[in-house]
Amino acid sequence: MILLGVFNLLIIATPYIHMHNPAGGELLHGGFSFTCHQLAARSYCVYPDGSIADCPHLYTKDSILETEEGPAYKFPVCARDLPLYLAAFLGGIAVYFTKWRDSKVVPNPIYFIIALIPIALDGGTQFIGLRESTNLMRAITGGIAGFAFSFYIIPLLNMFFSKREETKKENKEKEKKAT
């Protein structure tokens, strides 16, 4: 959760860092290129007045976009990924307050599949050219998928780390018997 929190913080901070430290902003923006296509037409920007809104509809990966109002600083991930990562983080916090916090049992996968249907329909219909999605729709579908993700990954991580602990205990017992 700490790593996911830092990851989200860096995403949110990138356009603001870029405003005051162009080299640092470009470095962060470039680092996030491994996680996202970064197309401006499918992203949010921070505008000179401090507002956050859709970036200009340009098919560029530039991190700073010139507008009539002045430079617009693009978030380093798209309008679908930004809420996906944020919702995964918030979902992880929500899991802490539920029975899934210490669970090593993954919920029925059908619920995760249901949560992925909106993102699949939105992205899929756009990909095959049936329609162009909007940033709002990308944000909603990304948020749903990200939030649901936490309820599956945390039990899997609990299972993984408990098995590692069991293996360590078994190895220590074997060492004791051997000596």
C-alpha atoms as a PDB file:
ATOM      1  CA  MET A   1       0.000   0.000   0.000  1.00  0.00           C
ATOM      2  CA  ILE A   2       2.875   2.340   0.737  1.00  0.00           C
ATOM      3  CA  LEU A   3       4.366   1.725  -2.714  1.00  0.00           C
ATOM      4  CA  LEU A   4       0.996   2.242  -4.380  1.00  0.00           C
ATOM      5  CA  GLY A   5       0.513   5.432  -2.370  1.00  0.00           C
ATOM      6  CA  VAL A   6       3.916   6.771  -3.452  1.00  0.00           C
ATOM      7  CA  PHE A   7       3.177   5.763  -7.054  1.00  0.00           C
ATOM      8  CA  ASN A   8      -0.107   7.727  -6.950  1.00  0.00           C
ATOM      9  CA  LEU A   9       1.540  10.694  -5.283  1.00  0.00           C
ATOM     10  CA  LEU A  10       4.158  10.852  -8.033  1.00  0.00           C
ATOM     11  CA  ILE A  11       1.466  10.681 -10.718  1.00  0.00           C
ATOM     12  CA  ILE A  12      -0.447  13.555  -9.158  1.00  0.00           C
ATOM     13  CA  ALA A  13       2.690  15.589  -8.430  1.00  0.00           C
ATOM     14  CA  THR A  14       4.252  15.272 -11.884  1.00  0.00           C
ATOM     15  CA  PRO A  15       2.470  18.173 -13.653  1.00  0.00           C
ATOM     16  CA  TYR A  16       3.054  20.440 -10.651  1.00  0.00           C
ATOM     17  CA  ILE A  17       6.719  19.467 -10.454  1.00  0.00           C
ATOM     18  CA  HIS A  18       6.937  20.088 -14.196  1.00  0.00           C
ATOM     19  CA  MET A  19       5.683  23.664 -13.709  1.00  0.00           C
ATOM     20  CA  HIS A  20       8.537  24.514 -11.343  1.00  0.00           C
ATOM     21  CA  ASN A  21      11.249  22.068 -12.361  1.00  0.00           C
ATOM     22  CA  PRO A  22      10.989  21.165 -16.063  1.00  0.00           C
ATOM     23  CA  ALA A  23      13.846  18.649 -15.934  1.00  0.00           C
ATOM     24  CA  GLY A  24      12.315  16.835 -12.962  1.00  0.00           C
ATOM     25  CA  GLY A  25       8.896  16.857 -14.587  1.00  0.00           C
ATOM     26  CA  GLU A  26      10.254  15.417 -17.826  1.00  0.00           C
ATOM     27  CA  LEU A  27      12.120  12.726 -15.893  1.00  0.00           C
ATOM     28  CA  LEU A  28       8.969  11.651 -14.054  1.00  0.00           C
ATOM     29  CA  HIS A  29       6.852  11.867 -17.188  1.00  0.00           C
ATOM     30  CA  GLY A  30       9.350   9.694 -19.036  1.00  0.00           C
ATOM     31  CA  GLY A  31       9.362   7.163 -16.204  1.00  0.00           C
ATOM     32  CA  PHE A  32       5.617   6.734 -16.425  1.00  0.00           C
ATOM     33  CA  SER A  33       5.841   6.054 -20.165  1.00  0.00           C
ATOM     34  CA  PHE A  34       6.421   2.420 -19.216  1.00  0.00           C
ATOM     35  CA  THR A  35       2.941   2.246 -17.659  1.00  0.00           C
ATOM     36  CA  CYS A  36       0.805   4.196 -20.143  1.00  0.00           C
ATOM     37  CA  HIS A  37       0.486   5.343 -23.768  1.00  0.00           C
ATOM     38  CA  GLN A  38       0.356   8.980 -22.538  1.00  0.00           C
ATOM     39  CA  LEU A  39      -1.685  10.349 -25.450  1.00  0.00           C
ATOM     40  CA  ALA A  40      -2.805  13.913 -24.737  1.00  0.00           C
ATOM     41  CA  ALA A  41      -6.200  13.350 -26.392  1.00  0.00           C
ATOM     42  CA  ARG A  42      -6.933  10.721 -23.729  1.00  0.00           C
ATOM     43  CA  SER A  43      -5.471  12.515 -20.709  1.00  0.00           C
ATOM     44  CA  TYR A  44      -6.107  15.227 -18.166  1.00  0.00           C
ATOM     45  CA  CYS A  45      -4.055  18.410 -17.916  1.00  0.00           C
ATOM     46  CA  VAL A  46      -3.399  21.030 -15.265  1.00  0.00           C
ATOM     47  CA  TYR A  47      -4.056  24.473 -16.755  1.00  0.00           C
ATOM     48  CA  PRO A  48      -2.426  27.825 -15.819  1.00  0.00           C
ATOM     49  CA  ASP A  49      -5.409  28.805 -13.639  1.00  0.00           C
ATOM     50  CA  GLY A  50      -4.940  25.609 -11.605  1.00  0.00           C
ATOM     51  CA  SER A  51      -7.928  23.804 -13.077  1.00  0.00           C
ATOM     52  CA  ILE A  52      -7.786  20.171 -14.126  1.00  0.00           C
ATOM     53  CA  ALA A  53      -9.636  19.243 -17.308  1.00  0.00           C
ATOM     54  CA  ASP A  54      -9.310  17.281 -20.529  1.00  0.00           C
ATOM     55  CA  CYS A  55      -6.121  18.007 -22.423  1.00  0.00           C
ATOM     56  CA  PRO A  56      -6.408  19.431 -25.933  1.00  0.00           C
ATOM     57  CA  HIS A  57      -7.517  16.735 -28.365  1.00  0.00           C
ATOM     58  CA  LEU A  58      -4.051  16.117 -29.809  1.00  0.00           C
ATOM     59  CA  TYR A  59      -2.453  12.777 -30.557  1.00  0.00           C
ATOM     60  CA  THR A  60       0.867  13.671 -29.025  1.00  0.00           C
ATOM     61  CA  LYS A  61       2.775  12.347 -26.042  1.00  0.00           C
ATOM     62  CA  ASP A  62       4.241  15.765 -25.192  1.00  0.00           C
ATOM     63  CA  SER A  63       4.085  16.562 -21.494  1.00  0.00           C
ATOM     64  CA  ILE A  64       3.469  20.297 -21.998  1.00  0.00           C
ATOM     65  CA  LEU A  65       0.810  21.440 -24.448  1.00  0.00           C
ATOM     66  CA  GLU A  66       0.443  25.007 -25.647  1.00  0.00           C
ATOM     67  CA  THR A  67      -3.104  26.353 -25.347  1.00  0.00           C
ATOM     68  CA  GLU A  68      -4.704  29.790 -25.684  1.00  0.00           C
ATOM     69  CA  GLU A  69      -4.661  30.045 -21.881  1.00  0.00           C
ATOM     70  CA  GLY A  70      -0.960  29.157 -21.704  1.00  0.00           C
ATOM     71  CA  PRO A  71       0.899  25.909 -21.121  1.00  0.00           C
ATOM     72  CA  ALA A  72      -1.137  22.881 -20.036  1.00  0.00           C
ATOM     73  CA  TYR A  73       0.796  20.272 -18.054  1.00  0.00           C
ATOM     74  CA  LYS A  74      -0.310  16.719 -18.787  1.00  0.00           C
ATOM     75  CA  PHE A  75      -0.585  14.066 -16.108  1.00  0.00           C
ATOM     76  CA  PRO A  76       1.894  11.278 -16.901  1.00  0.00           C
ATOM     77  CA  VAL A  77      -0.836   8.638 -17.251  1.00  0.00           C
ATOM     78  CA  CYS A  78      -4.080   8.713 -19.217  1.00  0.00           C
ATOM     79  CA  ALA A  79      -7.618   9.448 -18.037  1.00  0.00           C
ATOM     80  CA  ARG A  80      -8.280   5.726 -17.544  1.00  0.00           C
ATOM     81  CA  ASP A  81      -5.072   4.878 -15.679  1.00  0.00           C
ATOM     82  CA  LEU A  82      -5.135   7.850 -13.300  1.00  0.00           C
ATOM     83  CA  PRO A  83      -8.425   6.829 -11.611  1.00  0.00           C
ATOM     84  CA  LEU A  84      -7.535   3.139 -11.937  1.00  0.00           C
ATOM     85  CA  TYR A  85      -4.412   3.597  -9.802  1.00  0.00           C
ATOM     86  CA  LEU A  86      -6.146   5.969  -7.392  1.00  0.00           C
ATOM     87  CA  ALA A  87      -9.119   3.626  -6.989  1.00  0.00           C
ATOM     88  CA  ALA A  88      -6.795   0.657  -6.418  1.00  0.00           C
ATOM     89  CA  PHE A  89      -5.162   2.634  -3.606  1.00  0.00           C
ATOM     90  CA  LEU A  90      -8.499   3.730  -2.127  1.00  0.00           C
ATOM     91  CA  GLY A  91      -9.823   0.187  -2.532  1.00  0.00           C
ATOM     92  CA  GLY A  92      -6.823  -1.081  -0.597  1.00  0.00           C
ATOM     93  CA  ILE A  93      -7.675   1.303   2.220  1.00  0.00           C
ATOM     94  CA  ALA A  94     -11.301   0.138   2.067  1.00  0.00           C
ATOM     95  CA  VAL A  95     -10.191  -3.500   2.244  1.00  0.00           C
ATOM     96  CA  TYR A  96      -8.471  -2.712   5.525  1.00  0.00           C
ATOM     97  CA  PHE A  97     -11.888  -2.010   7.060  1.00  0.00           C
ATOM     98  CA  THR A  98     -13.519  -5.197   5.744  1.00  0.00           C
ATOM     99  CA  LYS A  99     -13.293  -8.922   6.398  1.00  0.00           C
ATOM    100  CA  TRP A 100     -10.883  -9.208   3.446  1.00  0.00           C
ATOM    101  CA  ARG A 101      -8.070  -7.436   5.324  1.00  0.00           C
ATOM    102  CA  ASP A 102      -6.432 -10.620   6.614  1.00  0.00           C
ATOM    103  CA  SER A 103      -8.172 -13.028   4.275  1.00  0.00           C
ATOM    104  CA  LYS A 104      -6.232 -15.546   2.248  1.00  0.00           C
ATOM    105  CA  VAL A 105      -9.345 -16.481   0.315  1.00  0.00           C
ATOM    106  CA  VAL A 106      -9.889 -14.698  -2.991  1.00  0.00           C
ATOM    107  CA  PRO A 107     -13.504 -13.659  -3.665  1.00  0.00           C
ATOM    108  CA  ASN A 108     -15.411 -15.401  -6.423  1.00  0.00           C
ATOM    109  CA  PRO A 109     -13.753 -14.312  -9.703  1.00  0.00           C
ATOM    110  CA  ILE A 110     -17.132 -13.636 -11.284  1.00  0.00           C
ATOM    111  CA  TYR A 111     -17.345 -10.357  -9.350  1.00  0.00           C
ATOM    112  CA  PHE A 112     -14.006  -9.214 -10.748  1.00  0.00           C
ATOM    113  CA  ILE A 113     -15.090 -10.215 -14.248  1.00  0.00           C
ATOM    114  CA  ILE A 114     -18.279  -8.175 -13.773  1.00  0.00           C
ATOM    115  CA  ALA A 115     -16.174  -5.191 -12.626  1.00  0.00           C
ATOM    116  CA  LEU A 116     -14.034  -5.523 -15.767  1.00  0.00           C
ATOM    117  CA  ILE A 117     -16.982  -5.575 -18.186  1.00  0.00           C
ATOM    118  CA  PRO A 118     -17.348  -1.746 -18.321  1.00  0.00           C
ATOM    119  CA  ILE A 119     -13.646  -1.169 -19.060  1.00  0.00           C
ATOM    120  CA  ALA A 120     -13.669  -3.966 -21.641  1.00  0.00           C
ATOM    121  CA  LEU A 121     -16.733  -2.573 -23.391  1.00  0.00           C
ATOM    122  CA  ASP A 122     -15.467   1.008 -23.321  1.00  0.00           C
ATOM    123  CA  GLY A 123     -11.930   0.207 -24.445  1.00  0.00           C
ATOM    124  CA  GLY A 124     -12.969  -2.602 -26.771  1.00  0.00           C
ATOM    125  CA  THR A 125     -15.594  -0.664 -28.692  1.00  0.00           C
ATOM    126  CA  GLN A 126     -13.164   2.219 -29.104  1.00  0.00           C
ATOM    127  CA  PHE A 127     -10.335  -0.088 -30.181  1.00  0.00           C
ATOM    128  CA  ILE A 128     -12.367  -1.684 -32.956  1.00  0.00           C
ATOM    129  CA  GLY A 129     -13.589   1.737 -34.139  1.00  0.00           C
ATOM    130  CA  LEU A 130     -17.253   1.599 -33.156  1.00  0.00           C
ATOM    131  CA  ARG A 131     -17.016   4.820 -31.185  1.00  0.00           C
ATOM    132  CA  GLU A 132     -14.652   7.248 -29.478  1.00  0.00           C
ATOM    133  CA  SER A 133     -14.709   7.114 -25.698  1.00  0.00           C
ATOM    134  CA  THR A 134     -14.607  10.204 -23.486  1.00  0.00           C
ATOM    135  CA  ASN A 135     -12.218  10.926 -20.652  1.00  0.00           C
ATOM    136  CA  LEU A 136     -15.121  10.817 -18.208  1.00  0.00           C
ATOM    137  CA  MET A 137     -16.067   7.325 -19.383  1.00  0.00           C
ATOM    138  CA  ARG A 138     -12.417   6.251 -19.250  1.00  0.00           C
ATOM    139  CA  ALA A 139     -12.183   7.566 -15.682  1.00  0.00           C
ATOM    140  CA  ILE A 140     -15.349   5.799 -14.534  1.00  0.00           C
ATOM    141  CA  THR A 141     -14.443   2.441 -16.047  1.00  0.00           C
ATOM    142  CA  GLY A 142     -10.844   2.679 -14.814  1.00  0.00           C
ATOM    143  CA  GLY A 143     -12.047   3.540 -11.317  1.00  0.00           C
ATOM    144  CA  ILE A 144     -14.397   0.556 -11.180  1.00  0.00           C
ATOM    145  CA  ALA A 145     -11.658  -1.858 -12.281  1.00  0.00           C
ATOM    146  CA  GLY A 146      -9.061  -0.356  -9.938  1.00  0.00           C
ATOM    147  CA  PHE A 147     -11.321  -0.494  -6.887  1.00  0.00           C
ATOM    148  CA  ALA A 148     -12.322  -4.115  -7.541  1.00  0.00           C
ATOM    149  CA  PHE A 149      -8.682  -5.079  -8.099  1.00  0.00           C
ATOM    150  CA  SER A 150      -7.834  -4.403  -4.436  1.00  0.00           C
ATOM    151  CA  PHE A 151     -10.332  -6.964  -3.174  1.00  0.00           C
ATOM    152  CA  TYR A 152      -8.507  -9.633  -5.176  1.00  0.00           C
ATOM    153  CA  ILE A 153      -4.861  -8.631  -4.923  1.00  0.00           C
ATOM    154  CA  ILE A 154      -4.800  -8.219  -1.141  1.00  0.00           C
ATOM    155  CA  PRO A 155      -5.976 -11.782  -0.384  1.00  0.00           C
ATOM    156  CA  LEU A 156      -3.478 -13.038  -2.989  1.00  0.00           C
ATOM    157  CA  LEU A 157      -0.678 -11.067  -1.326  1.00  0.00           C
ATOM    158  CA  ASN A 158      -1.792 -12.346   2.092  1.00  0.00           C
ATOM    159  CA  MET A 159      -1.618 -15.892   0.731  1.00  0.00           C
ATOM    160  CA  PHE A 160       1.807 -15.312  -0.818  1.00  0.00           C
ATOM    161  CA  PHE A 161       3.359 -13.773   2.282  1.00  0.00           C
ATOM    162  CA  SER A 162       1.852 -16.359   4.634  1.00  0.00           C
ATOM    163  CA  LYS A 163       3.342 -19.146   2.488  1.00  0.00           C
ATOM    164  CA  ARG A 164       6.726 -17.419   2.648  1.00  0.00           C
ATOM    165  CA  GLU A 165       6.461 -17.263   6.441  1.00  0.00           C
ATOM    166  CA  GLU A 166       5.468 -20.929   6.603  1.00  0.00           C
ATOM    167  CA  THR A 167       8.448 -21.855   4.420  1.00  0.00           C
ATOM    168  CA  LYS A 168      10.805 -19.855   6.659  1.00  0.00           C
ATOM    169  CA  LYS A 169       9.444 -21.618   9.756  1.00  0.00           C
ATOM    170  CA  GLU A 170       9.807 -25.014   8.104  1.00  0.00           C
ATOM    171  CA  ASN A 171      13.405 -24.230   7.112  1.00  0.00           C
ATOM    172  CA  LYS A 172      14.261 -23.124  10.656  1.00  0.00           C
ATOM    173  CA  GLU A 173      12.772 -26.333  12.061  1.00  0.00           C
ATOM    174  CA  LYS A 174      14.800 -28.403   9.580  1.00  0.00           C
ATOM    175  CA  GLU A 175      17.959 -26.527  10.617  1.00  0.00           C
ATOM    176  CA  LYS A 176      17.245 -27.224  14.294  1.00  0.00           C
ATOM    177  CA  LYS A 177      16.751 -30.922  13.620  1.00  0.00           C
ATOM    178  CA  ALA A 178      19.904 -31.083  11.528  1.00  0.00           C
ATOM    179  CA  THR A 179      22.055 -29.622  14.338  1.00  0.00           C
END
